[in-house]
Amino acid sequence: LIGAIVAEFFGTPVVGMGFRISTEVARMNLDIVWATITVAALTGSGFY
């Protein structure tokens, strides 16, 4: 999960957790950034 999110910082279609984090941080929409982080954390915890 970490690898996929980081890889999306360097190029992805206009969708994806990494793309959402990088774009919303630039827009200062920290609520959406934290919501994306929450989805990633819940996904990783559920997977584990």
ModelCIF file with pLDDT and N, C-alpha, C, O atoms, coordinates in Angstrom:
data_MODEL
#
_entry.id   MODEL 
#
_entity.id                         1 
_entity.type                       polymer 
_entity.pdbx_number_of_molecules   1 
#
_entity_poly.entity_id                      1 
_entity_poly.type                           'polypeptide(L)' 
_entity_poly.nstd_linkage                   no 
_entity_poly.nstd_monomer                   no 
_entity_poly.pdbx_seq_one_letter_code       LIGAIVAEFFGTPVVGMGFRISTEVARMNLDIVWATITVAALTGSGFY 
_entity_poly.pdbx_seq_one_letter_code_can   LIGAIVAEFFGTPVVGMGFRISTEVARMNLDIVWATITVAALTGSGFY 
_entity_poly.pdbx_strand_id                 A 
#
loop_
_entity_poly_seq.entity_id 
_entity_poly_seq.num 
_entity_poly_seq.mon_id 
_entity_poly_seq.hetero 
1 1  LEU n 
1 2  ILE n 
1 3  GLY n 
1 4  ALA n 
1 5  ILE n 
1 6  VAL n 
1 7  ALA n 
1 8  GLU n 
1 9  PHE n 
1 10 PHE n 
1 11 GLY n 
1 12 THR n 
1 13 PRO n 
1 14 VAL n 
1 15 VAL n 
1 16 GLY n 
1 17 MET n 
1 18 GLY n 
1 19 PHE n 
1 20 ARG n 
1 21 ILE n 
1 22 SER n 
1 23 THR n 
1 24 GLU n 
1 25 VAL n 
1 26 ALA n 
1 27 ARG n 
1 28 MET n 
1 29 ASN n 
1 30 LEU n 
1 31 ASP n 
1 32 ILE n 
1 33 VAL n 
1 34 TRP n 
1 35 ALA n 
1 36 THR n 
1 37 ILE n 
1 38 THR n 
1 39 VAL n 
1 40 ALA n 
1 41 ALA n 
1 42 LEU n 
1 43 THR n 
1 44 GLY n 
1 45 SER n 
1 46 GLY n 
1 47 PHE n 
1 48 TYR n 
#
_struct_asym.id          A 
_struct_asym.entity_id   1 
#
loop_
_ma_qa_metric.id 
_ma_qa_metric.mode 
_ma_qa_metric.name 
_ma_qa_metric.software_group_id 
_ma_qa_metric.type 
1 global pLDDT . pLDDT 
2 local  pLDDT . pLDDT 
#
_ma_qa_metric_global.metric_id      1 
_ma_qa_metric_global.metric_value   88.15 
_ma_qa_metric_global.model_id       1 
_ma_qa_metric_global.ordinal_id     1 
#
loop_
_ma_qa_metric_local.label_asym_id 
_ma_qa_metric_local.label_comp_id 
_ma_qa_metric_local.label_seq_id 
_ma_qa_metric_local.metric_id 
_ma_qa_metric_local.metric_value 
_ma_qa_metric_local.model_id 
_ma_qa_metric_local.ordinal_id 
A LEU 1  2 92.00 1 1  
A ILE 2  2 90.00 1 2  
A GLY 3  2 90.00 1 3  
A ALA 4  2 90.00 1 4  
A ILE 5  2 91.00 1 5  
A VAL 6  2 89.00 1 6  
A ALA 7  2 89.00 1 7  
A GLU 8  2 88.00 1 8  
A PHE 9  2 87.00 1 9  
A PHE 10 2 84.00 1 10 
A GLY 11 2 77.00 1 11 
A THR 12 2 75.00 1 12 
A PRO 13 2 78.00 1 13 
A VAL 14 2 81.00 1 14 
A VAL 15 2 86.00 1 15 
A GLY 16 2 87.00 1 16 
A MET 17 2 91.00 1 17 
A GLY 18 2 89.00 1 18 
A PHE 19 2 88.00 1 19 
A ARG 20 2 90.00 1 20 
A ILE 21 2 90.00 1 21 
A SER 22 2 88.00 1 22 
A THR 23 2 89.00 1 23 
A GLU 24 2 88.00 1 24 
A VAL 25 2 87.00 1 25 
A ALA 26 2 84.00 1 26 
A ARG 27 2 85.00 1 27 
A MET 28 2 84.00 1 28 
A ASN 29 2 84.00 1 29 
A LEU 30 2 86.00 1 30 
A ASP 31 2 87.00 1 31 
A ILE 32 2 90.00 1 32 
A VAL 33 2 91.00 1 33 
A TRP 34 2 92.00 1 34 
A ALA 35 2 92.00 1 35 
A THR 36 2 92.00 1 36 
A ILE 37 2 92.00 1 37 
A THR 38 2 92.00 1 38 
A VAL 39 2 92.00 1 39 
A ALA 40 2 92.00 1 40 
A ALA 41 2 91.00 1 41 
A LEU 42 2 91.00 1 42 
A THR 43 2 92.00 1 43 
A GLY 44 2 91.00 1 44 
A SER 45 2 88.00 1 45 
A GLY 46 2 89.00 1 46 
A PHE 47 2 90.00 1 47 
A TYR 48 2 90.00 1 48 
#
loop_
_atom_site.group_PDB 
_atom_site.id 
_atom_site.type_symbol 
_atom_site.label_atom_id 
_atom_site.label_alt_id 
_atom_site.label_comp_id 
_atom_site.label_asym_id 
_atom_site.label_entity_id 
_atom_site.label_seq_id 
_atom_site.pdbx_PDB_ins_code 
_atom_site.Cartn_x 
_atom_site.Cartn_y 
_atom_site.Cartn_z 
_atom_site.occupancy 
_atom_site.B_iso_or_equiv 
_atom_site.pdbx_formal_charge 
_atom_site.auth_seq_id 
_atom_site.auth_comp_id 
_atom_site.auth_asym_id 
_atom_site.auth_atom_id 
_atom_site.pdbx_PDB_model_num 
ATOM 1   N N  . LEU A 1 1  ? 0.829  -1.204 0.000   1.00 92.00 ? 1  LEU A N  1 
ATOM 2   C CA . LEU A 1 1  ? 0.000  0.000  0.000   1.00 92.00 ? 1  LEU A CA 1 
ATOM 3   C C  . LEU A 1 1  ? 0.866  1.258  0.000   1.00 92.00 ? 1  LEU A C  1 
ATOM 4   O O  . LEU A 1 1  ? 0.570  2.221  -0.707  1.00 92.00 ? 1  LEU A O  1 
ATOM 5   N N  . ILE A 1 2  ? 1.930  1.247  0.790   1.00 90.00 ? 2  ILE A N  1 
ATOM 6   C CA . ILE A 1 2  ? 2.837  2.398  0.814   1.00 90.00 ? 2  ILE A CA 1 
ATOM 7   C C  . ILE A 1 2  ? 3.471  2.606  -0.555  1.00 90.00 ? 2  ILE A C  1 
ATOM 8   O O  . ILE A 1 2  ? 3.548  3.734  -1.042  1.00 90.00 ? 2  ILE A O  1 
ATOM 9   N N  . GLY A 1 3  ? 3.924  1.525  -1.174  1.00 90.00 ? 3  GLY A N  1 
ATOM 10  C CA . GLY A 1 3  ? 4.565  1.645  -2.484  1.00 90.00 ? 3  GLY A CA 1 
ATOM 11  C C  . GLY A 1 3  ? 3.642  2.198  -3.539  1.00 90.00 ? 3  GLY A C  1 
ATOM 12  O O  . GLY A 1 3  ? 4.052  3.026  -4.352  1.00 90.00 ? 3  GLY A O  1 
ATOM 13  N N  . ALA A 1 4  ? 2.385  1.748  -3.541  1.00 90.00 ? 4  ALA A N  1 
ATOM 14  C CA . ALA A 1 4  ? 1.443  2.238  -4.549  1.00 90.00 ? 4  ALA A CA 1 
ATOM 15  C C  . ALA A 1 4  ? 1.142  3.722  -4.358  1.00 90.00 ? 4  ALA A C  1 
ATOM 16  O O  . ALA A 1 4  ? 1.091  4.474  -5.331  1.00 90.00 ? 4  ALA A O  1 
ATOM 17  N N  . ILE A 1 5  ? 0.943  4.144  -3.117  1.00 91.00 ? 5  ILE A N  1 
ATOM 18  C CA . ILE A 1 5  ? 0.613  5.549  -2.862  1.00 91.00 ? 5  ILE A CA 1 
ATOM 19  C C  . ILE A 1 5  ? 1.784  6.451  -3.224  1.00 91.00 ? 5  ILE A C  1 
ATOM 20  O O  . ILE A 1 5  ? 1.591  7.497  -3.843  1.00 91.00 ? 5  ILE A O  1 
ATOM 21  N N  . VAL A 1 6  ? 3.001  6.053  -2.843  1.00 89.00 ? 6  VAL A N  1 
ATOM 22  C CA . VAL A 1 6  ? 4.174  6.872  -3.166  1.00 89.00 ? 6  VAL A CA 1 
ATOM 23  C C  . VAL A 1 6  ? 4.400  6.907  -4.671  1.00 89.00 ? 6  VAL A C  1 
ATOM 24  O O  . VAL A 1 6  ? 4.754  7.952  -5.217  1.00 89.00 ? 6  VAL A O  1 
ATOM 25  N N  . ALA A 1 7  ? 4.202  5.782  -5.348  1.00 89.00 ? 7  ALA A N  1 
ATOM 26  C CA . ALA A 1 7  ? 4.409  5.746  -6.795  1.00 89.00 ? 7  ALA A CA 1 
ATOM 27  C C  . ALA A 1 7  ? 3.443  6.673  -7.518  1.00 89.00 ? 7  ALA A C  1 
ATOM 28  O O  . ALA A 1 7  ? 3.781  7.223  -8.567  1.00 89.00 ? 7  ALA A O  1 
ATOM 29  N N  . GLU A 1 8  ? 2.243  6.853  -6.969  1.00 88.00 ? 8  GLU A N  1 
ATOM 30  C CA . GLU A 1 8  ? 1.271  7.737  -7.611  1.00 88.00 ? 8  GLU A CA 1 
ATOM 31  C C  . GLU A 1 8  ? 1.665  9.207  -7.499  1.00 88.00 ? 8  GLU A C  1 
ATOM 32  O O  . GLU A 1 8  ? 1.112  10.043 -8.213  1.00 88.00 ? 8  GLU A O  1 
ATOM 33  N N  . PHE A 1 9  ? 2.593  9.533  -6.634  1.00 87.00 ? 9  PHE A N  1 
ATOM 34  C CA . PHE A 1 9  ? 3.076  10.914 -6.575  1.00 87.00 ? 9  PHE A CA 1 
ATOM 35  C C  . PHE A 1 9  ? 3.835  11.306 -7.841  1.00 87.00 ? 9  PHE A C  1 
ATOM 36  O O  . PHE A 1 9  ? 3.938  12.489 -8.163  1.00 87.00 ? 9  PHE A O  1 
ATOM 37  N N  . PHE A 1 10 ? 4.369  10.312 -8.561  1.00 84.00 ? 10 PHE A N  1 
ATOM 38  C CA . PHE A 1 10 ? 5.254  10.592 -9.689  1.00 84.00 ? 10 PHE A CA 1 
ATOM 39  C C  . PHE A 1 10 ? 4.574  10.400 -11.039 1.00 84.00 ? 10 PHE A C  1 
ATOM 40  O O  . PHE A 1 10 ? 5.226  10.492 -12.079 1.00 84.00 ? 10 PHE A O  1 
ATOM 41  N N  . GLY A 1 11 ? 3.301  10.142 -11.032 1.00 77.00 ? 11 GLY A N  1 
ATOM 42  C CA . GLY A 1 11 ? 2.596  10.014 -12.301 1.00 77.00 ? 11 GLY A CA 1 
ATOM 43  C C  . GLY A 1 11 ? 1.503  8.979  -12.220 1.00 77.00 ? 11 GLY A C  1 
ATOM 44  O O  . GLY A 1 11 ? 1.757  7.817  -11.902 1.00 77.00 ? 11 GLY A O  1 
ATOM 45  N N  . THR A 1 12 ? 0.278  9.402  -12.509 1.00 75.00 ? 12 THR A N  1 
ATOM 46  C CA . THR A 1 12 ? -0.870 8.512  -12.431 1.00 75.00 ? 12 THR A CA 1 
ATOM 47  C C  . THR A 1 12 ? -2.014 9.149  -13.191 1.00 75.00 ? 12 THR A C  1 
ATOM 48  O O  . THR A 1 12 ? -1.991 10.360 -13.414 1.00 75.00 ? 12 THR A O  1 
ATOM 49  N N  . PRO A 1 13 ? -3.018 8.381  -13.600 1.00 78.00 ? 13 PRO A N  1 
ATOM 50  C CA . PRO A 1 13 ? -4.248 9.009  -14.067 1.00 78.00 ? 13 PRO A CA 1 
ATOM 51  C C  . PRO A 1 13 ? -4.837 9.893  -12.962 1.00 78.00 ? 13 PRO A C  1 
ATOM 52  O O  . PRO A 1 13 ? -4.425 9.797  -11.806 1.00 78.00 ? 13 PRO A O  1 
ATOM 53  N N  . VAL A 1 14 ? -5.779 10.735 -13.310 1.00 81.00 ? 14 VAL A N  1 
ATOM 54  C CA . VAL A 1 14 ? -6.308 11.715 -12.354 1.00 81.00 ? 14 VAL A CA 1 
ATOM 55  C C  . VAL A 1 14 ? -7.217 11.036 -11.335 1.00 81.00 ? 14 VAL A C  1 
ATOM 56  O O  . VAL A 1 14 ? -8.356 11.457 -11.133 1.00 81.00 ? 14 VAL A O  1 
ATOM 57  N N  . VAL A 1 15 ? -6.717 10.003 -10.707 1.00 86.00 ? 15 VAL A N  1 
ATOM 58  C CA . VAL A 1 15 ? -7.432 9.279  -9.675  1.00 86.00 ? 15 VAL A CA 1 
ATOM 59  C C  . VAL A 1 15 ? -6.404 8.451  -8.914  1.00 86.00 ? 15 VAL A C  1 
ATOM 60  O O  . VAL A 1 15 ? -5.374 8.071  -9.470  1.00 86.00 ? 15 VAL A O  1 
ATOM 61  N N  . GLY A 1 16 ? -6.681 8.174  -7.647  1.00 87.00 ? 16 GLY A N  1 
ATOM 62  C CA . GLY A 1 16 ? -5.754 7.409  -6.831  1.00 87.00 ? 16 GLY A CA 1 
ATOM 63  C C  . GLY A 1 16 ? -5.451 8.132  -5.525  1.00 87.00 ? 16 GLY A C  1 
ATOM 64  O O  . GLY A 1 16 ? -5.527 9.359  -5.452  1.00 87.00 ? 16 GLY A O  1 
ATOM 65  N N  . MET A 1 17 ? -5.109 7.366  -4.498  1.00 91.00 ? 17 MET A N  1 
ATOM 66  C CA . MET A 1 17 ? -4.858 7.950  -3.184  1.00 91.00 ? 17 MET A CA 1 
ATOM 67  C C  . MET A 1 17 ? -3.644 8.875  -3.200  1.00 91.00 ? 17 MET A C  1 
ATOM 68  O O  . MET A 1 17 ? -3.693 9.975  -2.650  1.00 91.00 ? 17 MET A O  1 
ATOM 69  N N  . GLY A 1 18 ? -2.564 8.436  -3.824  1.00 89.00 ? 18 GLY A N  1 
ATOM 70  C CA . GLY A 1 18 ? -1.384 9.285  -3.884  1.00 89.00 ? 18 GLY A CA 1 
ATOM 71  C C  . GLY A 1 18 ? -1.637 10.557 -4.670  1.00 89.00 ? 18 GLY A C  1 
ATOM 72  O O  . GLY A 1 18 ? -1.198 11.637 -4.274  1.00 89.00 ? 18 GLY A O  1 
ATOM 73  N N  . PHE A 1 19 ? -2.344 10.432 -5.782  1.00 88.00 ? 19 PHE A N  1 
ATOM 74  C CA . PHE A 1 19 ? -2.700 11.616 -6.562  1.00 88.00 ? 19 PHE A CA 1 
ATOM 75  C C  . PHE A 1 19 ? -3.570 12.560 -5.740  1.00 88.00 ? 19 PHE A C  1 
ATOM 76  O O  . PHE A 1 19 ? -3.383 13.776 -5.795  1.00 88.00 ? 19 PHE A O  1 
ATOM 77  N N  . ARG A 1 20 ? -4.534 12.007 -4.967  1.00 90.00 ? 20 ARG A N  1 
ATOM 78  C CA . ARG A 1 20 ? -5.428 12.848 -4.172  1.00 90.00 ? 20 ARG A CA 1 
ATOM 79  C C  . ARG A 1 20 ? -4.653 13.594 -3.086  1.00 90.00 ? 20 ARG A C  1 
ATOM 80  O O  . ARG A 1 20 ? -4.889 14.779 -2.853  1.00 90.00 ? 20 ARG A O  1 
ATOM 81  N N  . ILE A 1 21 ? -3.740 12.906 -2.432  1.00 90.00 ? 21 ILE A N  1 
ATOM 82  C CA . ILE A 1 21 ? -2.971 13.546 -1.363  1.00 90.00 ? 21 ILE A CA 1 
ATOM 83  C C  . ILE A 1 21 ? -2.120 14.677 -1.918  1.00 90.00 ? 21 ILE A C  1 
ATOM 84  O O  . ILE A 1 21 ? -2.096 15.774 -1.359  1.00 90.00 ? 21 ILE A O  1 
ATOM 85  N N  . SER A 1 22 ? -1.418 14.413 -3.019  1.00 88.00 ? 22 SER A N  1 
ATOM 86  C CA . SER A 1 22 ? -0.510 15.428 -3.562  1.00 88.00 ? 22 SER A CA 1 
ATOM 87  C C  . SER A 1 22 ? -1.273 16.647 -4.081  1.00 88.00 ? 22 SER A C  1 
ATOM 88  O O  . SER A 1 22 ? -0.823 17.777 -3.888  1.00 88.00 ? 22 SER A O  1 
ATOM 89  N N  . THR A 1 23 ? -2.405 16.442 -4.728  1.00 89.00 ? 23 THR A N  1 
ATOM 90  C CA . THR A 1 23 ? -3.146 17.581 -5.274  1.00 89.00 ? 23 THR A CA 1 
ATOM 91  C C  . THR A 1 23 ? -3.874 18.375 -4.191  1.00 89.00 ? 23 THR A C  1 
ATOM 92  O O  . THR A 1 23 ? -3.908 19.605 -4.244  1.00 89.00 ? 23 THR A O  1 
ATOM 93  N N  . GLU A 1 24 ? -4.457 17.683 -3.211  1.00 88.00 ? 24 GLU A N  1 
ATOM 94  C CA . GLU A 1 24 ? -5.216 18.394 -2.181  1.00 88.00 ? 24 GLU A CA 1 
ATOM 95  C C  . GLU A 1 24 ? -4.297 19.103 -1.191  1.00 88.00 ? 24 GLU A C  1 
ATOM 96  O O  . GLU A 1 24 ? -4.697 20.106 -0.600  1.00 88.00 ? 24 GLU A O  1 
ATOM 97  N N  . VAL A 1 25 ? -3.082 18.610 -0.996  1.00 87.00 ? 25 VAL A N  1 
ATOM 98  C CA . VAL A 1 25 ? -2.120 19.339 -0.174  1.00 87.00 ? 25 VAL A CA 1 
ATOM 99  C C  . VAL A 1 25 ? -1.767 20.659 -0.843  1.00 87.00 ? 25 VAL A C  1 
ATOM 100 O O  . VAL A 1 25 ? -1.650 21.686 -0.174  1.00 87.00 ? 25 VAL A O  1 
ATOM 101 N N  . ALA A 1 26 ? -1.598 20.634 -2.161  1.00 84.00 ? 26 ALA A N  1 
ATOM 102 C CA . ALA A 1 26 ? -1.298 21.874 -2.879  1.00 84.00 ? 26 ALA A CA 1 
ATOM 103 C C  . ALA A 1 26 ? -2.449 22.867 -2.785  1.00 84.00 ? 26 ALA A C  1 
ATOM 104 O O  . ALA A 1 26 ? -2.224 24.077 -2.821  1.00 84.00 ? 26 ALA A O  1 
ATOM 105 N N  . ARG A 1 27 ? -3.677 22.373 -2.666  1.00 85.00 ? 27 ARG A N  1 
ATOM 106 C CA . ARG A 1 27 ? -4.840 23.251 -2.539  1.00 85.00 ? 27 ARG A CA 1 
ATOM 107 C C  . ARG A 1 27 ? -5.157 23.600 -1.083  1.00 85.00 ? 27 ARG A C  1 
ATOM 108 O O  . ARG A 1 27 ? -6.098 24.350 -0.823  1.00 85.00 ? 27 ARG A O  1 
ATOM 109 N N  . MET A 1 28 ? -4.389 23.070 -0.138  1.00 84.00 ? 28 MET A N  1 
ATOM 110 C CA . MET A 1 28 ? -4.583 23.293 1.296   1.00 84.00 ? 28 MET A CA 1 
ATOM 111 C C  . MET A 1 28 ? -5.906 22.709 1.784   1.00 84.00 ? 28 MET A C  1 
ATOM 112 O O  . MET A 1 28 ? -6.466 23.192 2.768   1.00 84.00 ? 28 MET A O  1 
ATOM 113 N N  . ASN A 1 29 ? -6.412 21.677 1.109   1.00 84.00 ? 29 ASN A N  1 
ATOM 114 C CA . ASN A 1 29 ? -7.618 20.976 1.570   1.00 84.00 ? 29 ASN A CA 1 
ATOM 115 C C  . ASN A 1 29 ? -7.193 19.816 2.469   1.00 84.00 ? 29 ASN A C  1 
ATOM 116 O O  . ASN A 1 29 ? -7.240 18.653 2.069   1.00 84.00 ? 29 ASN A O  1 
ATOM 117 N N  . LEU A 1 30 ? -6.776 20.154 3.693   1.00 86.00 ? 30 LEU A N  1 
ATOM 118 C CA . LEU A 1 30 ? -6.217 19.149 4.582   1.00 86.00 ? 30 LEU A CA 1 
ATOM 119 C C  . LEU A 1 30 ? -7.260 18.160 5.076   1.00 86.00 ? 30 LEU A C  1 
ATOM 120 O O  . LEU A 1 30 ? -6.909 17.039 5.444   1.00 86.00 ? 30 LEU A O  1 
ATOM 121 N N  . ASP A 1 31 ? -8.532 18.540 5.097   1.00 87.00 ? 31 ASP A N  1 
ATOM 122 C CA . ASP A 1 31 ? -9.562 17.586 5.511   1.00 87.00 ? 31 ASP A CA 1 
ATOM 123 C C  . ASP A 1 31 ? -9.624 16.394 4.562   1.00 87.00 ? 31 ASP A C  1 
ATOM 124 O O  . ASP A 1 31 ? -9.726 15.250 5.004   1.00 87.00 ? 31 ASP A O  1 
ATOM 125 N N  . ILE A 1 32 ? -9.560 16.662 3.256   1.00 90.00 ? 32 ILE A N  1 
ATOM 126 C CA . ILE A 1 32 ? -9.591 15.575 2.279   1.00 90.00 ? 32 ILE A CA 1 
ATOM 127 C C  . ILE A 1 32 ? -8.312 14.751 2.358   1.00 90.00 ? 32 ILE A C  1 
ATOM 128 O O  . ILE A 1 32 ? -8.344 13.533 2.185   1.00 90.00 ? 32 ILE A O  1 
ATOM 129 N N  . VAL A 1 33 ? -7.192 15.407 2.619   1.00 91.00 ? 33 VAL A N  1 
ATOM 130 C CA . VAL A 1 33 ? -5.931 14.677 2.765   1.00 91.00 ? 33 VAL A CA 1 
ATOM 131 C C  . VAL A 1 33 ? -6.024 13.703 3.932   1.00 91.00 ? 33 VAL A C  1 
ATOM 132 O O  . VAL A 1 33 ? -5.648 12.537 3.807   1.00 91.00 ? 33 VAL A O  1 
ATOM 133 N N  . TRP A 1 34 ? -6.528 14.187 5.073   1.00 92.00 ? 34 TRP A N  1 
ATOM 134 C CA . TRP A 1 34 ? -6.651 13.308 6.232   1.00 92.00 ? 34 TRP A CA 1 
ATOM 135 C C  . TRP A 1 34 ? -7.693 12.228 5.995   1.00 92.00 ? 34 TRP A C  1 
ATOM 136 O O  . TRP A 1 34 ? -7.544 11.116 6.502   1.00 92.00 ? 34 TRP A O  1 
ATOM 137 N N  . ALA A 1 35 ? -8.737 12.524 5.243   1.00 92.00 ? 35 ALA A N  1 
ATOM 138 C CA . ALA A 1 35 ? -9.724 11.499 4.916   1.00 92.00 ? 35 ALA A CA 1 
ATOM 139 C C  . ALA A 1 35 ? -9.101 10.402 4.054   1.00 92.00 ? 35 ALA A C  1 
ATOM 140 O O  . ALA A 1 35 ? -9.384 9.220  4.247   1.00 92.00 ? 35 ALA A O  1 
ATOM 141 N N  . THR A 1 36 ? -8.258 10.796 3.109   1.00 92.00 ? 36 THR A N  1 
ATOM 142 C CA . THR A 1 36 ? -7.564 9.802  2.285   1.00 92.00 ? 36 THR A CA 1 
ATOM 143 C C  . THR A 1 36 ? -6.607 8.973  3.124   1.00 92.00 ? 36 THR A C  1 
ATOM 144 O O  . THR A 1 36 ? -6.519 7.757  2.949   1.00 92.00 ? 36 THR A O  1 
ATOM 145 N N  . ILE A 1 37 ? -5.890 9.622  4.033   1.00 92.00 ? 37 ILE A N  1 
ATOM 146 C CA . ILE A 1 37 ? -4.994 8.893  4.934   1.00 92.00 ? 37 ILE A CA 1 
ATOM 147 C C  . ILE A 1 37 ? -5.786 7.907  5.791   1.00 92.00 ? 37 ILE A C  1 
ATOM 148 O O  . ILE A 1 37 ? -5.327 6.794  6.047   1.00 92.00 ? 37 ILE A O  1 
ATOM 149 N N  . THR A 1 38 ? -6.973 8.318  6.233   1.00 92.00 ? 38 THR A N  1 
ATOM 150 C CA . THR A 1 38 ? -7.814 7.421  7.030   1.00 92.00 ? 38 THR A CA 1 
ATOM 151 C C  . THR A 1 38 ? -8.222 6.192  6.232   1.00 92.00 ? 38 THR A C  1 
ATOM 152 O O  . THR A 1 38 ? -8.182 5.072  6.742   1.00 92.00 ? 38 THR A O  1 
ATOM 153 N N  . VAL A 1 39 ? -8.616 6.404  4.974   1.00 92.00 ? 39 VAL A N  1 
ATOM 154 C CA . VAL A 1 39 ? -8.984 5.262  4.123   1.00 92.00 ? 39 VAL A CA 1 
ATOM 155 C C  . VAL A 1 39 ? -7.793 4.327  3.947   1.00 92.00 ? 39 VAL A C  1 
ATOM 156 O O  . VAL A 1 39 ? -7.948 3.108  4.012   1.00 92.00 ? 39 VAL A O  1 
ATOM 157 N N  . ALA A 1 40 ? -6.606 4.889  3.725   1.00 92.00 ? 40 ALA A N  1 
ATOM 158 C CA . ALA A 1 40 ? -5.411 4.061  3.561   1.00 92.00 ? 40 ALA A CA 1 
ATOM 159 C C  . ALA A 1 40 ? -5.091 3.303  4.842   1.00 92.00 ? 40 ALA A C  1 
ATOM 160 O O  . ALA A 1 40 ? -4.739 2.124  4.793   1.00 92.00 ? 40 ALA A O  1 
ATOM 161 N N  . ALA A 1 41 ? -5.212 3.974  6.000   1.00 91.00 ? 41 ALA A N  1 
ATOM 162 C CA . ALA A 1 41 ? -4.915 3.319  7.269   1.00 91.00 ? 41 ALA A CA 1 
ATOM 163 C C  . ALA A 1 41 ? -5.903 2.193  7.553   1.00 91.00 ? 41 ALA A C  1 
ATOM 164 O O  . ALA A 1 41 ? -5.502 1.113  7.988   1.00 91.00 ? 41 ALA A O  1 
ATOM 165 N N  . LEU A 1 42 ? -7.183 2.434  7.311   1.00 91.00 ? 42 LEU A N  1 
ATOM 166 C CA . LEU A 1 42 ? -8.182 1.394  7.528   1.00 91.00 ? 42 LEU A CA 1 
ATOM 167 C C  . LEU A 1 42 ? -7.988 0.228  6.572   1.00 91.00 ? 42 LEU A C  1 
ATOM 168 O O  . LEU A 1 42 ? -8.166 -0.930 6.948   1.00 91.00 ? 42 LEU A O  1 
ATOM 169 N N  . THR A 1 43 ? -7.622 0.539  5.332   1.00 92.00 ? 43 THR A N  1 
ATOM 170 C CA . THR A 1 43 ? -7.380 -0.526 4.358   1.00 92.00 ? 43 THR A CA 1 
ATOM 171 C C  . THR A 1 43 ? -6.193 -1.383 4.775   1.00 92.00 ? 43 THR A C  1 
ATOM 172 O O  . THR A 1 43 ? -6.277 -2.611 4.762   1.00 92.00 ? 43 THR A O  1 
ATOM 173 N N  . GLY A 1 44 ? -5.079 -0.735 5.148   1.00 91.00 ? 44 GLY A N  1 
ATOM 174 C CA . GLY A 1 44 ? -3.910 -1.487 5.578   1.00 91.00 ? 44 GLY A CA 1 
ATOM 175 C C  . GLY A 1 44 ? -4.175 -2.303 6.825   1.00 91.00 ? 44 GLY A C  1 
ATOM 176 O O  . GLY A 1 44 ? -3.735 -3.448 6.921   1.00 91.00 ? 44 GLY A O  1 
ATOM 177 N N  . SER A 1 45 ? -4.894 -1.727 7.787   1.00 88.00 ? 45 SER A N  1 
ATOM 178 C CA . SER A 1 45 ? -5.204 -2.457 9.016   1.00 88.00 ? 45 SER A CA 1 
ATOM 179 C C  . SER A 1 45 ? -6.118 -3.639 8.738   1.00 88.00 ? 45 SER A C  1 
ATOM 180 O O  . SER A 1 45 ? -5.927 -4.724 9.288   1.00 88.00 ? 45 SER A O  1 
ATOM 181 N N  . GLY A 1 46 ? -7.125 -3.424 7.872   1.00 89.00 ? 46 GLY A N  1 
ATOM 182 C CA . GLY A 1 46 ? -8.015 -4.524 7.528   1.00 89.00 ? 46 GLY A CA 1 
ATOM 183 C C  . GLY A 1 46 ? -7.302 -5.638 6.782   1.00 89.00 ? 46 GLY A C  1 
ATOM 184 O O  . GLY A 1 46 ? -7.552 -6.819 7.027   1.00 89.00 ? 46 GLY A O  1 
ATOM 185 N N  . PHE A 1 47 ? -6.413 -5.261 5.870   1.00 90.00 ? 47 PHE A N  1 
ATOM 186 C CA . PHE A 1 47 ? -5.627 -6.243 5.125   1.00 90.00 ? 47 PHE A CA 1 
ATOM 187 C C  . PHE A 1 47 ? -4.762 -7.064 6.073   1.00 90.00 ? 47 PHE A C  1 
ATOM 188 O O  . PHE A 1 47 ? -4.736 -8.293 5.998   1.00 90.00 ? 47 PHE A O  1 
ATOM 189 N N  . TYR A 1 48 ? -4.058 -6.375 6.962   1.00 90.00 ? 48 TYR A N  1 
ATOM 190 C CA . TYR A 1 48 ? -3.186 -7.050 7.932   1.00 90.00 ? 48 TYR A CA 1 
ATOM 191 C C  . TYR A 1 48 ? -4.007 -7.921 8.883   1.00 90.00 ? 48 TYR A C  1 
ATOM 192 O O  . TYR A 1 48 ? -3.446 -8.567 9.768   1.00 90.00 ? 48 TYR A O  1 
#
